[in-house]
Amino acid sequence: MANIIWVYLIVFCLLLIILIITGWWIYALLFFALFWTIIGIDYFVNWLVKKRRHKAEMQRRNDETTKRIELGKQTLQLERDATLVKVKKIT
């Protein structure tokens, strides 16, 4: 990711210098705007991807916790049932 930005930046600076030297400064301004728009979109998309991955990870952890709680409740119920059976056998 960082390497791509450095390549963009180097190419951008070279083209900007060439355009300004040759007198095409209006195109240099347009290119400047386009460059930073591309960088902004790139960062925004990466932010969305990270957010989505984080949300999926939190959902997965929540599901695992819910499964553990359900298994714990089932185990507790089985232990209670086993205790009741033992008590009934004794009496």
PDB file of N, CA and C in Angstrom:
ATOM      1  N   MET A   1       0.833  -1.196   0.000  1.00  0.00           N
ATOM      2  CA  MET A   1       0.000   0.000   0.000  1.00  0.00           C
ATOM      3  C   MET A   1       0.877   1.259   0.000  1.00  0.00           C
ATOM      4  N   ALA A   2       1.840   1.300   0.910  1.00  0.00           N
ATOM      5  CA  ALA A   2       2.687   2.487   1.030  1.00  0.00           C
ATOM      6  C   ALA A   2       3.569   2.658  -0.201  1.00  0.00           C
ATOM      7  N   ASN A   3       4.016   1.550  -0.782  1.00  0.00           N
ATOM      8  CA  ASN A   3       4.866   1.631  -1.970  1.00  0.00           C
ATOM      9  C   ASN A   3       4.110   2.232  -3.147  1.00  0.00           C
ATOM     10  N   ILE A   4       2.850   1.886  -3.280  1.00  0.00           N
ATOM     11  CA  ILE A   4       2.036   2.426  -4.371  1.00  0.00           C
ATOM     12  C   ILE A   4       1.900   3.939  -4.229  1.00  0.00           C
ATOM     13  N   ILE A   5       1.714   4.402  -3.011  1.00  0.00           N
ATOM     14  CA  ILE A   5       1.574   5.846  -2.790  1.00  0.00           C
ATOM     15  C   ILE A   5       2.869   6.566  -3.149  1.00  0.00           C
ATOM     16  N   TRP A   6       4.025   5.975  -2.818  1.00  0.00           N
ATOM     17  CA  TRP A   6       5.293   6.607  -3.177  1.00  0.00           C
ATOM     18  C   TRP A   6       5.463   6.672  -4.687  1.00  0.00           C
ATOM     19  N   VAL A   7       5.054   5.627  -5.382  1.00  0.00           N
ATOM     20  CA  VAL A   7       5.127   5.646  -6.851  1.00  0.00           C
ATOM     21  C   VAL A   7       4.216   6.738  -7.394  1.00  0.00           C
ATOM     22  N   TYR A   8       2.973   6.792  -6.876  1.00  0.00           N
ATOM     23  CA  TYR A   8       2.046   7.855  -7.285  1.00  0.00           C
ATOM     24  C   TYR A   8       2.669   9.228  -7.055  1.00  0.00           C
ATOM     25  N   LEU A   9       3.267   9.404  -5.889  1.00  0.00           N
ATOM     26  CA  LEU A   9       3.821  10.706  -5.525  1.00  0.00           C
ATOM     27  C   LEU A   9       4.976  11.104  -6.439  1.00  0.00           C
ATOM     28  N   ILE A  10       5.862  10.184  -6.735  1.00  0.00           N
ATOM     29  CA  ILE A  10       6.999  10.490  -7.617  1.00  0.00           C
ATOM     30  C   ILE A  10       6.517  10.836  -9.024  1.00  0.00           C
ATOM     31  N   VAL A  11       5.625  10.008  -9.559  1.00  0.00           N
ATOM     32  CA  VAL A  11       5.087  10.275 -10.899  1.00  0.00           C
ATOM     33  C   VAL A  11       4.331  11.598 -10.907  1.00  0.00           C
ATOM     34  N   PHE A  12       3.560  11.835  -9.867  1.00  0.00           N
ATOM     35  CA  PHE A  12       2.803  13.081  -9.756  1.00  0.00           C
ATOM     36  C   PHE A  12       3.734  14.290  -9.778  1.00  0.00           C
ATOM     37  N   CYS A  13       4.781  14.252  -8.972  1.00  0.00           N
ATOM     38  CA  CYS A  13       5.709  15.389  -8.916  1.00  0.00           C
ATOM     39  C   CYS A  13       6.392  15.627 -10.266  1.00  0.00           C
ATOM     40  N   LEU A  14       6.816  14.557 -10.907  1.00  0.00           N
ATOM     41  CA  LEU A  14       7.470  14.709 -12.213  1.00  0.00           C
ATOM     42  C   LEU A  14       6.518  15.311 -13.250  1.00  0.00           C
ATOM     43  N   LEU A  15       5.311  14.785 -13.341  1.00  0.00           N
ATOM     44  CA  LEU A  15       4.348  15.324 -14.303  1.00  0.00           C
ATOM     45  C   LEU A  15       3.960  16.762 -13.970  1.00  0.00           C
ATOM     46  N   LEU A  16       3.819  17.049 -12.680  1.00  0.00           N
ATOM     47  CA  LEU A  16       3.468  18.410 -12.268  1.00  0.00           C
ATOM     48  C   LEU A  16       4.566  19.393 -12.678  1.00  0.00           C
ATOM     49  N   ILE A  17       5.813  19.028 -12.453  1.00  0.00           N
ATOM     50  CA  ILE A  17       6.935  19.892 -12.831  1.00  0.00           C
ATOM     51  C   ILE A  17       6.975  20.087 -14.345  1.00  0.00           C
ATOM     52  N   ILE A  18       6.802  18.997 -15.084  1.00  0.00           N
ATOM     53  CA  ILE A  18       6.818  19.091 -16.552  1.00  0.00           C
ATOM     54  C   ILE A  18       5.685  19.986 -17.052  1.00  0.00           C
ATOM     55  N   LEU A  19       4.498  19.808 -16.496  1.00  0.00           N
ATOM     56  CA  LEU A  19       3.356  20.618 -16.940  1.00  0.00           C
ATOM     57  C   LEU A  19       3.542  22.098 -16.602  1.00  0.00           C
ATOM     58  N   ILE A  20       4.084  22.389 -15.435  1.00  0.00           N
ATOM     59  CA  ILE A  20       4.288  23.792 -15.047  1.00  0.00           C
ATOM     60  C   ILE A  20       5.374  24.431 -15.911  1.00  0.00           C
ATOM     61  N   ILE A  21       6.461  23.702 -16.159  1.00  0.00           N
ATOM     62  CA  ILE A  21       7.558  24.240 -16.973  1.00  0.00           C
ATOM     63  C   ILE A  21       7.093  24.520 -18.401  1.00  0.00           C
ATOM     64  N   THR A  22       6.291  23.633 -18.949  1.00  0.00           N
ATOM     65  CA  THR A  22       5.843  23.807 -20.338  1.00  0.00           C
ATOM     66  C   THR A  22       4.714  24.830 -20.467  1.00  0.00           C
ATOM     67  N   GLY A  23       4.227  25.351 -19.361  1.00  0.00           N
ATOM     68  CA  GLY A  23       3.192  26.381 -19.407  1.00  0.00           C
ATOM     69  C   GLY A  23       1.773  25.828 -19.380  1.00  0.00           C
ATOM     70  N   TRP A  24       1.608  24.573 -19.142  1.00  0.00           N
ATOM     71  CA  TRP A  24       0.283  23.960 -19.081  1.00  0.00           C
ATOM     72  C   TRP A  24      -0.173  23.881 -17.625  1.00  0.00           C
ATOM     73  N   TRP A  25      -0.137  24.997 -16.929  1.00  0.00           N
ATOM     74  CA  TRP A  25      -0.409  25.006 -15.498  1.00  0.00           C
ATOM     75  C   TRP A  25      -1.856  24.631 -15.173  1.00  0.00           C
ATOM     76  N   ILE A  26      -2.806  24.916 -16.085  1.00  0.00           N
ATOM     77  CA  ILE A  26      -4.204  24.549 -15.813  1.00  0.00           C
ATOM     78  C   ILE A  26      -4.342  23.030 -15.770  1.00  0.00           C
ATOM     79  N   TYR A  27      -3.593  22.342 -16.656  1.00  0.00           N
ATOM     80  CA  TYR A  27      -3.607  20.880 -16.623  1.00  0.00           C
ATOM     81  C   TYR A  27      -2.889  20.360 -15.379  1.00  0.00           C
ATOM     82  N   ALA A  28      -1.894  21.114 -14.929  1.00  0.00           N
ATOM     83  CA  ALA A  28      -1.209  20.734 -13.692  1.00  0.00           C
ATOM     84  C   ALA A  28      -2.178  20.786 -12.516  1.00  0.00           C
ATOM     85  N   LEU A  29      -3.033  21.809 -12.474  1.00  0.00           N
ATOM     86  CA  LEU A  29      -4.037  21.901 -11.406  1.00  0.00           C
ATOM     87  C   LEU A  29      -5.047  20.762 -11.489  1.00  0.00           C
ATOM     88  N   LEU A  30      -5.498  20.447 -12.690  1.00  0.00           N
ATOM     89  CA  LEU A  30      -6.438  19.337 -12.865  1.00  0.00           C
ATOM     90  C   LEU A  30      -5.796  18.007 -12.456  1.00  0.00           C
ATOM     91  N   PHE A  31      -4.557  17.825 -12.843  1.00  0.00           N
ATOM     92  CA  PHE A  31      -3.851  16.603 -12.480  1.00  0.00           C
ATOM     93  C   PHE A  31      -3.669  16.508 -10.965  1.00  0.00           C
ATOM     94  N   PHE A  32      -3.366  17.658 -10.340  1.00  0.00           N
ATOM     95  CA  PHE A  32      -3.228  17.718  -8.883  1.00  0.00           C
ATOM     96  C   PHE A  32      -4.524  17.272  -8.205  1.00  0.00           C
ATOM     97  N   ALA A  33      -5.649  17.799  -8.682  1.00  0.00           N
ATOM     98  CA  ALA A  33      -6.948  17.430  -8.109  1.00  0.00           C
ATOM     99  C   ALA A  33      -7.244  15.945  -8.332  1.00  0.00           C
ATOM    100  N   LEU A  34      -6.961  15.449  -9.512  1.00  0.00           N
ATOM    101  CA  LEU A  34      -7.199  14.038  -9.820  1.00  0.00           C
ATOM    102  C   LEU A  34      -6.344  13.131  -8.940  1.00  0.00           C
ATOM    103  N   PHE A  35      -5.087  13.499  -8.774  1.00  0.00           N
ATOM    104  CA  PHE A  35      -4.178  12.699  -7.957  1.00  0.00           C
ATOM    105  C   PHE A  35      -4.691  12.566  -6.527  1.00  0.00           C
ATOM    106  N   TRP A  36      -5.041  13.687  -5.901  1.00  0.00           N
ATOM    107  CA  TRP A  36      -5.489  13.625  -4.512  1.00  0.00           C
ATOM    108  C   TRP A  36      -6.867  12.984  -4.382  1.00  0.00           C
ATOM    109  N   THR A  37      -7.664  13.064  -5.436  1.00  0.00           N
ATOM    110  CA  THR A  37      -8.944  12.348  -5.421  1.00  0.00           C
ATOM    111  C   THR A  37      -8.698  10.844  -5.417  1.00  0.00           C
ATOM    112  N   ILE A  38      -7.776  10.379  -6.238  1.00  0.00           N
ATOM    113  CA  ILE A  38      -7.449   8.947  -6.276  1.00  0.00           C
ATOM    114  C   ILE A  38      -6.908   8.481  -4.929  1.00  0.00           C
ATOM    115  N   ILE A  39      -6.013   9.257  -4.342  1.00  0.00           N
ATOM    116  CA  ILE A  39      -5.457   8.902  -3.032  1.00  0.00           C
ATOM    117  C   ILE A  39      -6.568   8.865  -1.985  1.00  0.00           C
ATOM    118  N   GLY A  40      -7.456   9.851  -2.003  1.00  0.00           N
ATOM    119  CA  GLY A  40      -8.568   9.883  -1.048  1.00  0.00           C
ATOM    120  C   GLY A  40      -9.491   8.692  -1.197  1.00  0.00           C
ATOM    121  N   ILE A  41      -9.813   8.331  -2.425  1.00  0.00           N
ATOM    122  CA  ILE A  41     -10.674   7.170  -2.666  1.00  0.00           C
ATOM    123  C   ILE A  41      -9.979   5.895  -2.184  1.00  0.00           C
ATOM    124  N   ASP A  42      -8.687   5.792  -2.439  1.00  0.00           N
ATOM    125  CA  ASP A  42      -7.921   4.626  -2.007  1.00  0.00           C
ATOM    126  C   ASP A  42      -7.963   4.477  -0.487  1.00  0.00           C
ATOM    127  N   TYR A  43      -7.722   5.569   0.237  1.00  0.00           N
ATOM    128  CA  TYR A  43      -7.781   5.515   1.695  1.00  0.00           C
ATOM    129  C   TYR A  43      -9.193   5.203   2.183  1.00  0.00           C
ATOM    130  N   PHE A  44     -10.196   5.777   1.551  1.00  0.00           N
ATOM    131  CA  PHE A  44     -11.581   5.542   1.959  1.00  0.00           C
ATOM    132  C   PHE A  44     -11.967   4.075   1.773  1.00  0.00           C
ATOM    133  N   VAL A  45     -11.586   3.498   0.641  1.00  0.00           N
ATOM    134  CA  VAL A  45     -11.900   2.083   0.385  1.00  0.00           C
ATOM    135  C   VAL A  45     -11.183   1.195   1.406  1.00  0.00           C
ATOM    136  N   ASN A  46      -9.928   1.491   1.696  1.00  0.00           N
ATOM    137  CA  ASN A  46      -9.202   0.709   2.707  1.00  0.00           C
ATOM    138  C   ASN A  46      -9.856   0.831   4.072  1.00  0.00           C
ATOM    139  N   TRP A  47     -10.331   2.020   4.417  1.00  0.00           N
ATOM    140  CA  TRP A  47     -11.020   2.228   5.690  1.00  0.00           C
ATOM    141  C   TRP A  47     -12.297   1.395   5.747  1.00  0.00           C
ATOM    142  N   LEU A  48     -13.062   1.376   4.640  1.00  0.00           N
ATOM    143  CA  LEU A  48     -14.284   0.570   4.608  1.00  0.00           C
ATOM    144  C   LEU A  48     -13.982  -0.917   4.754  1.00  0.00           C
ATOM    145  N   VAL A  49     -12.935  -1.377   4.083  1.00  0.00           N
ATOM    146  CA  VAL A  49     -12.571  -2.796   4.162  1.00  0.00           C
ATOM    147  C   VAL A  49     -12.175  -3.159   5.593  1.00  0.00           C
ATOM    148  N   LYS A  50     -11.362  -2.308   6.236  1.00  0.00           N
ATOM    149  CA  LYS A  50     -10.961  -2.573   7.618  1.00  0.00           C
ATOM    150  C   LYS A  50     -12.172  -2.592   8.536  1.00  0.00           C
ATOM    151  N   LYS A  51     -13.086  -1.659   8.326  1.00  0.00           N
ATOM    152  CA  LYS A  51     -14.288  -1.587   9.152  1.00  0.00           C
ATOM    153  C   LYS A  51     -15.124  -2.854   8.980  1.00  0.00           C
ATOM    154  N   ARG A  52     -15.290  -3.305   7.747  1.00  0.00           N
ATOM    155  CA  ARG A  52     -16.078  -4.516   7.478  1.00  0.00           C
ATOM    156  C   ARG A  52     -15.410  -5.750   8.088  1.00  0.00           C
ATOM    157  N   ARG A  53     -14.087  -5.846   7.965  1.00  0.00           N
ATOM    158  CA  ARG A  53     -13.372  -6.986   8.558  1.00  0.00           C
ATOM    159  C   ARG A  53     -13.512  -6.989  10.073  1.00  0.00           C
ATOM    160  N   HIS A  54     -13.394  -5.802  10.674  1.00  0.00           N
ATOM    161  CA  HIS A  54     -13.523  -5.695  12.124  1.00  0.00           C
ATOM    162  C   HIS A  54     -14.927  -6.116  12.564  1.00  0.00           C
ATOM    163  N   LYS A  55     -15.931  -5.670  11.828  1.00  0.00           N
ATOM    164  CA  LYS A  55     -17.314  -6.025  12.160  1.00  0.00           C
ATOM    165  C   LYS A  55     -17.523  -7.534  12.053  1.00  0.00           C
ATOM    166  N   ALA A  56     -16.980  -8.150  11.010  1.00  0.00           N
ATOM    167  CA  ALA A  56     -17.100  -9.602  10.836  1.00  0.00           C
ATOM    168  C   ALA A  56     -16.387 -10.344  11.971  1.00  0.00           C
ATOM    169  N   GLU A  57     -15.222  -9.848  12.371  1.00  0.00           N
ATOM    170  CA  GLU A  57     -14.484 -10.477  13.469  1.00  0.00           C
ATOM    171  C   GLU A  57     -15.264 -10.372  14.778  1.00  0.00           C
ATOM    172  N   MET A  58     -15.844  -9.212  15.047  1.00  0.00           N
ATOM    173  CA  MET A  58     -16.636  -9.047  16.266  1.00  0.00           C
ATOM    174  C   MET A  58     -17.866  -9.956  16.248  1.00  0.00           C
ATOM    175  N   GLN A  59     -18.495 -10.106  15.095  1.00  0.00           N
ATOM    176  CA  GLN A  59     -19.659 -10.990  14.979  1.00  0.00           C
ATOM    177  C   GLN A  59     -19.252 -12.444  15.212  1.00  0.00           C
ATOM    178  N   ARG A  60     -18.096 -12.827  14.672  1.00  0.00           N
ATOM    179  CA  ARG A  60     -17.608 -14.198  14.872  1.00  0.00           C
ATOM    180  C   ARG A  60     -17.332 -14.466  16.348  1.00  0.00           C
ATOM    181  N   ARG A  61     -16.689 -13.507  17.021  1.00  0.00           N
ATOM    182  CA  ARG A  61     -16.421 -13.666  18.457  1.00  0.00           C
ATOM    183  C   ARG A  61     -17.718 -13.736  19.246  1.00  0.00           C
ATOM    184  N   ASN A  62     -18.683 -12.908  18.879  1.00  0.00           N
ATOM    185  CA  ASN A  62     -19.972 -12.910  19.563  1.00  0.00           C
ATOM    186  C   ASN A  62     -20.666 -14.256  19.389  1.00  0.00           C
ATOM    187  N   ASP A  63     -20.615 -14.806  18.181  1.00  0.00           N
ATOM    188  CA  ASP A  63     -21.221 -16.111  17.922  1.00  0.00           C
ATOM    189  C   ASP A  63     -20.546 -17.205  18.749  1.00  0.00           C
ATOM    190  N   GLU A  64     -19.215 -17.161  18.836  1.00  0.00           N
ATOM    191  CA  GLU A  64     -18.492 -18.150  19.636  1.00  0.00           C
ATOM    192  C   GLU A  64     -18.877 -18.043  21.105  1.00  0.00           C
ATOM    193  N   THR A  65     -18.984 -16.817  21.608  1.00  0.00           N
ATOM    194  CA  THR A  65     -19.362 -16.618  23.002  1.00  0.00           C
ATOM    195  C   THR A  65     -20.769 -17.137  23.249  1.00  0.00           C
ATOM    196  N   THR A  66     -21.679 -16.864  22.332  1.00  0.00           N
ATOM    197  CA  THR A  66     -23.054 -17.345  22.471  1.00  0.00           C
ATOM    198  C   THR A  66     -23.087 -18.873  22.491  1.00  0.00           C
ATOM    199  N   LYS A  67     -22.301 -19.508  21.629  1.00  0.00           N
ATOM    200  CA  LYS A  67     -22.246 -20.977  21.614  1.00  0.00           C
ATOM    201  C   LYS A  67     -21.718 -21.510  22.939  1.00  0.00           C
ATOM    202  N   ARG A  68     -20.668 -20.871  23.477  1.00  0.00           N
ATOM    203  CA  ARG A  68     -20.117 -21.312  24.758  1.00  0.00           C
ATOM    204  C   ARG A  68     -21.138 -21.173  25.875  1.00  0.00           C
ATOM    205  N   ILE A  69     -21.883 -20.079  25.869  1.00  0.00           N
ATOM    206  CA  ILE A  69     -22.905 -19.867  26.901  1.00  0.00           C
ATOM    207  C   ILE A  69     -23.981 -20.943  26.798  1.00  0.00           C
ATOM    208  N   GLU A  70     -24.429 -21.224  25.574  1.00  0.00           N
ATOM    209  CA  GLU A  70     -25.456 -22.257  25.378  1.00  0.00           C
ATOM    210  C   GLU A  70     -24.948 -23.625  25.826  1.00  0.00           C
ATOM    211  N   LEU A  71     -23.709 -23.964  25.475  1.00  0.00           N
ATOM    212  CA  LEU A  71     -23.137 -25.241  25.905  1.00  0.00           C
ATOM    213  C   LEU A  71     -23.016 -25.300  27.425  1.00  0.00           C
ATOM    214  N   GLY A  72     -22.641 -24.185  28.031  1.00  0.00           N
ATOM    215  CA  GLY A  72     -22.551 -24.121  29.488  1.00  0.00           C
ATOM    216  C   GLY A  72     -23.904 -24.345  30.140  1.00  0.00           C
ATOM    217  N   LYS A  73     -24.945 -23.742  29.584  1.00  0.00           N
ATOM    218  CA  LYS A  73     -26.298 -23.930  30.122  1.00  0.00           C
ATOM    219  C   LYS A  73     -26.732 -25.381  29.983  1.00  0.00           C
ATOM    220  N   GLN A  74     -26.445 -25.987  28.829  1.00  0.00           N
ATOM    221  CA  GLN A  74     -26.813 -27.391  28.615  1.00  0.00           C
ATOM    222  C   GLN A  74     -26.064 -28.304  29.585  1.00  0.00           C
ATOM    223  N   THR A  75     -24.785 -28.040  29.785  1.00  0.00           N
ATOM    224  CA  THR A  75     -23.989 -28.837  30.718  1.00  0.00           C
ATOM    225  C   THR A  75     -24.532 -28.695  32.129  1.00  0.00           C
ATOM    226  N   LEU A  76     -24.867 -27.473  32.513  1.00  0.00           N
ATOM    227  CA  LEU A  76     -25.417 -27.227  33.842  1.00  0.00           C
ATOM    228  C   LEU A  76     -26.737 -27.966  34.021  1.00  0.00           C
ATOM    229  N   GLN A  77     -27.573 -27.950  33.001  1.00  0.00           N
ATOM    230  CA  GLN A  77     -28.856 -28.650  33.081  1.00  0.00           C
ATOM    231  C   GLN A  77     -28.637 -30.157  33.201  1.00  0.00           C
ATOM    232  N   LEU A  78     -27.686 -30.698  32.435  1.00  0.00           N
ATOM    233  CA  LEU A  78     -27.389 -32.131  32.528  1.00  0.00           C
ATOM    234  C   LEU A  78     -26.868 -32.495  33.920  1.00  0.00           C
ATOM    235  N   GLU A  79     -26.032 -31.631  34.503  1.00  0.00           N
ATOM    236  CA  GLU A  79     -25.526 -31.885  35.855  1.00  0.00           C
ATOM    237  C   GLU A  79     -26.665 -31.861  36.860  1.00  0.00           C
ATOM    238  N   ARG A  80     -27.596 -30.934  36.716  1.00  0.00           N
ATOM    239  CA  ARG A  80     -28.759 -30.873  37.615  1.00  0.00           C
ATOM    240  C   ARG A  80     -29.601 -32.141  37.481  1.00  0.00           C
ATOM    241  N   ASP A  81     -29.824 -32.553  36.235  1.00  0.00           N
ATOM    242  CA  ASP A  81     -30.613 -33.768  36.009  1.00  0.00           C
ATOM    243  C   ASP A  81     -29.924 -34.984  36.622  1.00  0.00           C
ATOM    244  N   ALA A  82     -28.606 -35.071  36.450  1.00  0.00           N
ATOM    245  CA  ALA A  82     -27.857 -36.197  37.013  1.00  0.00           C
ATOM    246  C   ALA A  82     -27.931 -36.182  38.535  1.00  0.00           C
ATOM    247  N   THR A  83     -27.846 -35.002  39.137  1.00  0.00           N
ATOM    248  CA  THR A  83     -27.947 -34.883  40.589  1.00  0.00           C
ATOM    249  C   THR A  83     -29.328 -35.318  41.054  1.00  0.00           C
ATOM    250  N   LEU A  84     -30.376 -34.913  40.346  1.00  0.00           N
ATOM    251  CA  LEU A  84     -31.737 -35.311  40.714  1.00  0.00           C
ATOM    252  C   LEU A  84     -31.906 -36.824  40.621  1.00  0.00           C
ATOM    253  N   VAL A  85     -31.319 -37.428  39.584  1.00  0.00           N
ATOM    254  CA  VAL A  85     -31.410 -38.887  39.434  1.00  0.00           C
ATOM    255  C   VAL A  85     -30.716 -39.570  40.608  1.00  0.00           C
ATOM    256  N   LYS A  86     -29.534 -39.058  41.011  1.00  0.00           N
ATOM    257  CA  LYS A  86     -28.815 -39.639  42.148  1.00  0.00           C
ATOM    258  C   LYS A  86     -29.633 -39.502  43.421  1.00  0.00           C
ATOM    259  N   VAL A  87     -30.242 -38.337  43.616  1.00  0.00           N
ATOM    260  CA  VAL A  87     -31.044 -38.107  44.817  1.00  0.00           C
ATOM    261  C   VAL A  87     -32.242 -39.052  44.822  1.00  0.00           C
ATOM    262  N   LYS A  88     -32.891 -39.239  43.697  1.00  0.00           N
ATOM    263  CA  LYS A  88     -34.051 -40.131  43.621  1.00  0.00           C
ATOM    264  C   LYS A  88     -33.636 -41.579  43.887  1.00  0.00           C
ATOM    265  N   LYS A  89     -32.456 -41.990  43.401  1.00  0.00           N
ATOM    266  CA  LYS A  89     -31.995 -43.358  43.625  1.00  0.00           C
ATOM    267  C   LYS A  89     -31.696 -43.598  45.098  1.00  0.00           C
ATOM    268  N   ILE A  90     -31.154 -42.588  45.764  1.00  0.00           N
ATOM    269  CA  ILE A  90     -30.811 -42.719  47.182  1.00  0.00           C
ATOM    270  C   ILE A  90     -32.079 -42.822  48.014  1.00  0.00           C
ATOM    271  N   THR A  91     -33.087 -42.002  47.700  1.00  0.00           N
ATOM    272  CA  THR A  91     -34.313 -42.007  48.511  1.00  0.00           C
ATOM    273  C   THR A  91     -35.290 -43.044  48.120  1.00  0.00           C
TER     274      THR A  91
END
